[in-house]
Amino acid sequence: MEDTTLPMSTSSNDLAELGGRKLVYIRAIPASDVMGDLESEFGDVELDFEADATIYSVHAADGERIALVGDRDLAFAAARQYEMNPVSVH
């Protein structure tokens, strides 16, 4: 039987190899954490949430943010719709 225990220190590359492109991580974050990123990336945009709101960040196995969603259930449903396997991280 193969040992599937992860080492104590696991890099983002190790996680990417473990889950492949189909594994995504969903994490609750304060909207204020990403508002600056969105404004610098997209310019003057109108955001449909308050700075103190909780939003959900969807990340690829390598840590790259691939989506921001306003609702946890919707984040999981969207990931599954694109044939990804979502897991929650804290």
Protein backbone atom coordinates (compact mmCIF):
# COMPACT_ATOMS: atom_id res chain seq x y z
CA MET A 1 0.00 0.00 0.00
CA GLU A 2 1.35 3.45 -0.97
CA ASP A 3 2.00 6.04 1.75
CA THR A 4 -0.21 9.08 0.99
CA THR A 5 0.82 11.14 4.01
CA LEU A 6 1.85 14.69 3.12
CA PRO A 7 5.14 16.02 4.50
CA MET A 8 4.91 18.59 7.30
CA SER A 9 5.97 21.32 4.88
CA THR A 10 3.98 21.19 1.65
CA SER A 11 4.62 23.74 -1.10
CA SER A 12 2.00 25.16 -3.47
CA ASN A 13 3.65 23.12 -6.26
CA ASP A 14 3.20 19.95 -4.19
CA LEU A 15 -0.47 20.79 -3.71
CA ALA A 16 -0.90 21.50 -7.42
CA GLU A 17 0.57 18.11 -8.27
CA LEU A 18 -1.65 16.43 -5.69
CA GLY A 19 -4.93 17.90 -6.90
CA GLY A 20 -4.23 18.61 -10.54
CA ARG A 21 -6.12 21.34 -12.35
CA LYS A 22 -9.49 20.03 -11.16
CA LEU A 23 -8.99 20.76 -7.45
CA VAL A 24 -9.92 24.28 -6.31
CA TYR A 25 -9.85 25.86 -2.88
CA ILE A 26 -12.60 28.17 -1.64
CA ARG A 27 -11.82 30.57 1.16
CA ALA A 28 -13.90 33.24 2.90
CA ILE A 29 -12.16 36.63 2.89
CA PRO A 30 -13.11 40.22 3.75
CA ALA A 31 -14.00 42.14 0.58
CA SER A 32 -11.61 44.88 1.71
CA ASP A 33 -8.69 42.44 1.17
CA VAL A 34 -9.24 42.43 -2.60
CA MET A 35 -10.86 45.78 -3.37
CA GLY A 36 -7.49 47.43 -4.04
CA ASP A 37 -6.44 44.54 -6.32
CA LEU A 38 -9.63 44.85 -8.34
CA GLU A 39 -9.33 48.60 -8.72
CA SER A 40 -5.69 48.40 -9.82
CA GLU A 41 -6.42 45.53 -12.22
CA PHE A 42 -9.65 46.82 -13.76
CA GLY A 43 -9.49 50.56 -13.13
CA ASP A 44 -12.45 52.49 -11.82
CA VAL A 45 -15.04 49.73 -11.33
CA GLU A 46 -18.27 49.81 -9.39
CA LEU A 47 -18.28 47.00 -6.84
CA ASP A 48 -21.58 45.50 -5.71
CA PHE A 49 -20.52 44.77 -2.12
CA GLU A 50 -19.42 46.67 0.96
CA ALA A 51 -15.81 46.66 2.15
CA ASP A 52 -16.80 44.81 5.35
CA ALA A 53 -18.69 42.07 3.45
CA THR A 54 -17.44 38.49 3.31
CA ILE A 55 -16.77 37.17 -0.17
CA TYR A 56 -15.38 33.86 -1.37
CA SER A 57 -12.11 33.52 -3.21
CA VAL A 58 -11.69 30.50 -5.47
CA HIS A 59 -8.08 29.39 -5.98
CA ALA A 60 -6.46 26.84 -8.27
CA ALA A 61 -4.34 24.16 -6.61
CA ASP A 62 -1.22 26.26 -7.26
CA GLY A 63 -2.70 29.19 -5.28
CA GLU A 64 -3.71 31.37 -8.25
CA ARG A 65 -6.97 33.22 -7.59
CA ILE A 66 -9.39 32.33 -10.38
CA ALA A 67 -12.66 33.82 -9.14
CA LEU A 68 -14.34 35.97 -6.51
CA VAL A 69 -17.92 35.09 -5.57
CA GLY A 70 -20.35 36.78 -3.20
CA ASP A 71 -21.91 33.58 -1.84
CA ARG A 72 -20.30 30.36 -0.56
CA ASP A 73 -22.88 28.00 -2.07
CA LEU A 74 -22.59 29.77 -5.41
CA ALA A 75 -18.79 29.45 -5.32
CA PHE A 76 -19.07 25.67 -4.84
CA ALA A 77 -21.81 25.35 -7.49
CA ALA A 78 -19.81 27.36 -10.03
CA ALA A 79 -16.70 25.24 -9.45
CA ARG A 80 -18.69 22.04 -9.94
CA GLN A 81 -20.34 23.44 -13.07
CA TYR A 82 -16.86 23.82 -14.56
CA GLU A 83 -16.06 20.21 -13.56
CA MET A 84 -13.76 21.24 -10.71
CA ASN A 85 -13.61 19.69 -7.25
CA PRO A 86 -14.01 22.44 -4.64
CA VAL A 87 -12.75 22.15 -1.07
CA SER A 88 -13.04 24.66 1.73
CA VAL A 89 -9.99 26.14 3.45
CA HIS A 90 -9.91 28.28 6.55
